[in-house]
Protein backbone atom coordinates (compact mmCIF):
# COMPACT_ATOMS: atom_id res chain seq x y z
CA UNK A 1 -27.54 -68.59 -26.57
CA UNK A 2 -25.08 -66.61 -28.68
CA UNK A 3 -27.30 -63.32 -28.09
CA UNK A 4 -26.92 -63.50 -24.69
CA UNK A 5 -23.14 -64.15 -24.55
CA UNK A 6 -22.85 -61.07 -26.76
CA UNK A 7 -25.24 -59.10 -24.41
CA UNK A 8 -23.47 -60.24 -21.36
CA UNK A 9 -20.05 -59.06 -22.56
CA UNK A 10 -20.26 -56.34 -24.61
CA UNK A 11 -21.17 -54.09 -21.50
CA UNK A 12 -18.22 -54.94 -20.18
CA UNK A 13 -15.88 -54.45 -23.10
CA UNK A 14 -17.59 -50.91 -23.54
CA UNK A 15 -17.25 -49.65 -19.89
CA UNK A 16 -13.84 -50.90 -19.73
CA UNK A 17 -11.32 -48.05 -20.10
CA UNK A 18 -8.21 -50.25 -20.90
CA UNK A 19 -9.15 -51.40 -24.54
CA UNK A 20 -8.24 -47.66 -25.64
CA UNK A 21 -4.96 -48.35 -24.32
CA UNK A 22 -3.89 -51.74 -25.37
CA UNK A 23 -5.10 -53.66 -28.71
CA UNK A 24 -9.30 -53.47 -28.13
CA UNK A 25 -9.47 -55.88 -30.79
CA UNK A 26 -7.26 -58.94 -28.88
CA UNK A 27 -8.98 -58.26 -25.46
CA UNK A 28 -12.63 -58.36 -26.73
CA UNK A 29 -12.07 -61.74 -28.19
CA UNK A 30 -10.70 -62.83 -25.28
CA UNK A 31 -13.51 -61.40 -23.01
CA UNK A 32 -16.32 -63.25 -25.17
CA UNK A 33 -14.14 -66.59 -25.44
CA UNK A 34 -14.06 -66.40 -21.77
CA UNK A 35 -17.92 -65.36 -21.22
CA UNK A 36 -19.01 -68.18 -23.27
CA UNK A 37 -17.34 -70.75 -21.55
CA UNK A 38 -18.65 -69.57 -18.11
CA UNK A 39 -21.91 -68.89 -19.77
CA UNK A 40 -21.87 -72.28 -21.33
CA UNK A 41 -21.01 -74.31 -17.87
CA UNK A 42 -23.59 -72.48 -16.24
CA UNK A 43 -26.54 -72.54 -18.56
């Protein structure tokens, strides 16, 4: 399950140009939490 979440969330974070202008760690953590929540609800 955790591997699938990382696979889903990683492309979104890496393709997003905004983290370079903002603080990437906070955004990455928030996106992982959101994807983990959605993934757990639909799985």
